[in-house]
PDB file of N, CA and C in Angstrom:
ATOM      1  N   PRO A   1      77.582 152.510  94.847  1.00  0.00           N
ATOM      2  CA  PRO A   1      78.251 153.194  93.494  1.00  0.00           C
ATOM      3  C   PRO A   1      76.925 153.080  92.372  1.00  0.00           C
ATOM      4  N   VAL A   2      76.350 151.909  92.353  1.00  0.00           N
ATOM      5  CA  VAL A   2      75.262 151.932  91.243  1.00  0.00           C
ATOM      6  C   VAL A   2      74.282 153.111  91.378  1.00  0.00           C
ATOM      7  N   GLU A   3      73.655 153.256  92.630  1.00  0.00           N
ATOM      8  CA  GLU A   3      72.525 154.220  92.871  1.00  0.00           C
ATOM      9  C   GLU A   3      73.013 155.397  92.696  1.00  0.00           C
ATOM     10  N   LYS A   4      74.361 156.015  93.272  1.00  0.00           N
ATOM     11  CA  LYS A   4      74.839 157.089  92.850  1.00  0.00           C
ATOM     12  C   LYS A   4      74.935 157.482  91.452  1.00  0.00           C
ATOM     13  N   SER A   5      75.413 156.553  90.745  1.00  0.00           N
ATOM     14  CA  SER A   5      75.324 156.551  89.094  1.00  0.00           C
ATOM     15  C   SER A   5      74.268 156.932  88.594  1.00  0.00           C
ATOM     16  N   LEU A   6      73.400 156.303  88.956  1.00  0.00           N
ATOM     17  CA  LEU A   6      71.777 156.341  88.402  1.00  0.00           C
ATOM     18  C   LEU A   6      71.041 157.922  88.639  1.00  0.00           C
ATOM     19  N   ARG A   7      71.260 158.300  90.059  1.00  0.00           N
ATOM     20  CA  ARG A   7      71.000 159.543  90.405  1.00  0.00           C
ATOM     21  C   ARG A   7      71.586 160.742  89.787  1.00  0.00           C
ATOM     22  N   ASP A   8      73.310 160.202  89.517  1.00  0.00           N
ATOM     23  CA  ASP A   8      73.995 161.326  88.918  1.00  0.00           C
ATOM     24  C   ASP A   8      73.449 161.494  87.161  1.00  0.00           C
ATOM     25  N   ALA A   9      72.911 160.381  86.852  1.00  0.00           N
ATOM     26  CA  ALA A   9      72.578 160.234  85.257  1.00  0.00           C
ATOM     27  C   ALA A   9      70.816 160.735  85.375  1.00  0.00           C
ATOM     28  N   LYS A  10      70.419 161.090  86.510  1.00  0.00           N
ATOM     29  CA  LYS A  10      68.922 161.213  86.591  1.00  0.00           C
ATOM     30  C   LYS A  10      68.196 160.266  85.755  1.00  0.00           C
ATOM     31  N   MET A  11      68.678 158.874  86.213  1.00  0.00           N
ATOM     32  CA  MET A  11      67.894 157.839  85.513  1.00  0.00           C
ATOM     33  C   MET A  11      67.304 156.707  86.724  1.00  0.00           C
ATOM     34  N   ASP A  12      66.255 156.183  86.462  1.00  0.00           N
ATOM     35  CA  ASP A  12      65.799 155.355  87.126  1.00  0.00           C
ATOM     36  C   ASP A  12      66.189 153.691  86.694  1.00  0.00           C
ATOM     37  N   LYS A  13      66.173 152.866  88.008  1.00  0.00           N
ATOM     38  CA  LYS A  13      66.782 151.204  87.376  1.00  0.00           C
ATOM     39  C   LYS A  13      65.970 150.784  86.450  1.00  0.00           C
ATOM     40  N   ALA A  14      64.501 151.270  86.194  1.00  0.00           N
ATOM     41  CA  ALA A  14      63.763 150.738  85.308  1.00  0.00           C
ATOM     42  C   ALA A  14      64.003 151.266  83.917  1.00  0.00           C
ATOM     43  N   GLN A  15      64.972 151.935  83.859  1.00  0.00           N
ATOM     44  CA  GLN A  15      65.389 152.708  82.349  1.00  0.00           C
ATOM     45  C   GLN A  15      66.569 151.750  82.140  1.00  0.00           C
ATOM     46  N   ILE A  16      67.117 151.057  82.809  1.00  0.00           N
ATOM     47  CA  ILE A  16      68.356 150.286  82.530  1.00  0.00           C
ATOM     48  C   ILE A  16      67.642 148.867  81.937  1.00  0.00           C
ATOM     49  N   HIS A  17      68.224 148.535  80.661  1.00  0.00           N
ATOM     50  CA  HIS A  17      67.391 147.241  80.121  1.00  0.00           C
ATOM     51  C   HIS A  17      68.913 146.292  79.766  1.00  0.00           C
ATOM     52  N   ASP A  18      70.064 146.897  79.644  1.00  0.00           N
ATOM     53  CA  ASP A  18      71.219 145.819  79.681  1.00  0.00           C
ATOM     54  C   ASP A  18      72.332 146.345  80.535  1.00  0.00           C
ATOM     55  N   ILE A  19      72.907 145.525  81.016  1.00  0.00           N
ATOM     56  CA  ILE A  19      74.207 145.741  81.922  1.00  0.00           C
ATOM     57  C   ILE A  19      75.291 144.997  81.451  1.00  0.00           C
ATOM     58  N   VAL A  20      76.304 145.703  81.108  1.00  0.00           N
ATOM     59  CA  VAL A  20      77.705 144.809  80.498  1.00  0.00           C
ATOM     60  C   VAL A  20      78.462 145.093  81.587  1.00  0.00           C
ATOM     61  N   LEU A  21      79.075 143.794  82.070  1.00  0.00           N
ATOM     62  CA  LEU A  21      80.223 143.706  83.024  1.00  0.00           C
ATOM     63  C   LEU A  21      81.587 144.015  82.603  1.00  0.00           C
ATOM     64  N   VAL A  22      82.322 144.348  82.911  1.00  0.00           N
ATOM     65  CA  VAL A  22      83.827 144.566  82.345  1.00  0.00           C
ATOM     66  C   VAL A  22      84.929 144.737  83.318  1.00  0.00           C
ATOM     67  N   GLY A  23      85.870 143.670  83.143  1.00  0.00           N
ATOM     68  CA  GLY A  23      86.953 143.701  84.316  1.00  0.00           C
ATOM     69  C   GLY A  23      86.876 142.419  85.025  1.00  0.00           C
ATOM     70  N   GLY A  24      88.187 142.142  85.581  1.00  0.00           N
ATOM     71  CA  GLY A  24      88.037 140.649  86.154  1.00  0.00           C
ATOM     72  C   GLY A  24      87.345 140.521  87.426  1.00  0.00           C
ATOM     73  N   SER A  25      86.908 141.410  88.054  1.00  0.00           N
ATOM     74  CA  SER A  25      86.301 141.404  89.330  1.00  0.00           C
ATOM     75  C   SER A  25      84.716 141.286  89.095  1.00  0.00           C
ATOM     76  N   THR A  26      84.132 141.545  87.875  1.00  0.00           N
ATOM     77  CA  THR A  26      82.719 141.373  87.385  1.00  0.00           C
ATOM     78  C   THR A  26      82.597 139.606  87.218  1.00  0.00           C
ATOM     79  N   ARG A  27      83.949 139.047  87.361  1.00  0.00           N
ATOM     80  CA  ARG A  27      83.424 137.736  87.439  1.00  0.00           C
ATOM     81  C   ARG A  27      83.188 136.862  88.609  1.00  0.00           C
ATOM     82  N   ILE A  28      83.389 137.664  89.556  1.00  0.00           N
ATOM     83  CA  ILE A  28      82.938 137.214  91.320  1.00  0.00           C
ATOM     84  C   ILE A  28      81.474 137.214  91.204  1.00  0.00           C
ATOM     85  N   PRO A  29      81.154 135.931  91.485  1.00  0.00           N
ATOM     86  CA  PRO A  29      79.428 135.480  91.575  1.00  0.00           C
ATOM     87  C   PRO A  29      78.747 136.350  92.422  1.00  0.00           C
ATOM     88  N   LYS A  30      79.326 136.759  93.505  1.00  0.00           N
ATOM     89  CA  LYS A  30      79.039 137.861  94.262  1.00  0.00           C
ATOM     90  C   LYS A  30      78.599 139.126  93.835  1.00  0.00           C
ATOM     91  N   ILE A  31      79.427 139.752  92.811  1.00  0.00           N
ATOM     92  CA  ILE A  31      79.184 140.846  92.239  1.00  0.00           C
ATOM     93  C   ILE A  31      77.838 140.603  91.302  1.00  0.00           C
ATOM     94  N   GLN A  32      77.825 139.577  90.574  1.00  0.00           N
ATOM     95  CA  GLN A  32      77.107 139.353  89.805  1.00  0.00           C
ATOM     96  C   GLN A  32      75.545 139.318  90.521  1.00  0.00           C
ATOM     97  N   LYS A  33      75.356 138.508  91.479  1.00  0.00           N
ATOM     98  CA  LYS A  33      74.194 138.325  92.350  1.00  0.00           C
ATOM     99  C   LYS A  33      73.863 139.690  92.939  1.00  0.00           C
ATOM    100  N   LEU A  34      74.655 140.411  93.527  1.00  0.00           N
ATOM    101  CA  LEU A  34      74.134 141.871  94.015  1.00  0.00           C
ATOM    102  C   LEU A  34      73.748 142.786  93.137  1.00  0.00           C
ATOM    103  N   LEU A  35      74.272 142.699  91.595  1.00  0.00           N
ATOM    104  CA  LEU A  35      73.515 143.495  90.510  1.00  0.00           C
ATOM    105  C   LEU A  35      72.082 142.768  90.294  1.00  0.00           C
ATOM    106  N   GLN A  36      72.067 141.539  90.370  1.00  0.00           N
ATOM    107  CA  GLN A  36      70.904 140.826  89.734  1.00  0.00           C
ATOM    108  C   GLN A  36      69.923 141.436  90.632  1.00  0.00           C
ATOM    109  N   ASP A  37      70.098 141.290  92.143  1.00  0.00           N
ATOM    110  CA  ASP A  37      69.249 141.804  93.121  1.00  0.00           C
ATOM    111  C   ASP A  37      68.719 142.887  92.886  1.00  0.00           C
ATOM    112  N   PHE A  38      69.699 143.845  92.705  1.00  0.00           N
ATOM    113  CA  PHE A  38      69.591 145.277  92.795  1.00  0.00           C
ATOM    114  C   PHE A  38      68.473 145.604  91.400  1.00  0.00           C
ATOM    115  N   PHE A  39      68.841 145.081  90.611  1.00  0.00           N
ATOM    116  CA  PHE A  39      68.013 145.241  89.211  1.00  0.00           C
ATOM    117  C   PHE A  39      66.916 144.369  89.043  1.00  0.00           C
ATOM    118  N   ASN A  40      66.460 143.498  90.157  1.00  0.00           N
ATOM    119  CA  ASN A  40      65.254 142.620  90.021  1.00  0.00           C
ATOM    120  C   ASN A  40      65.392 141.502  89.055  1.00  0.00           C
ATOM    121  N   GLY A  41      66.386 140.933  88.702  1.00  0.00           N
ATOM    122  CA  GLY A  41      66.534 140.221  87.717  1.00  0.00           C
ATOM    123  C   GLY A  41      67.613 139.400  87.324  1.00  0.00           C
TER     124      GLY A  41
END
């Protein structure tokens, strides 16, 4: 879903500087790790 969202917005992941996670499932460590790995950081 993240890659599709970036494509739909015609953006590159290098253009993303901050990520705000909202909702209960975003507290799951695996979700946080996947996003960190995807955005290299």
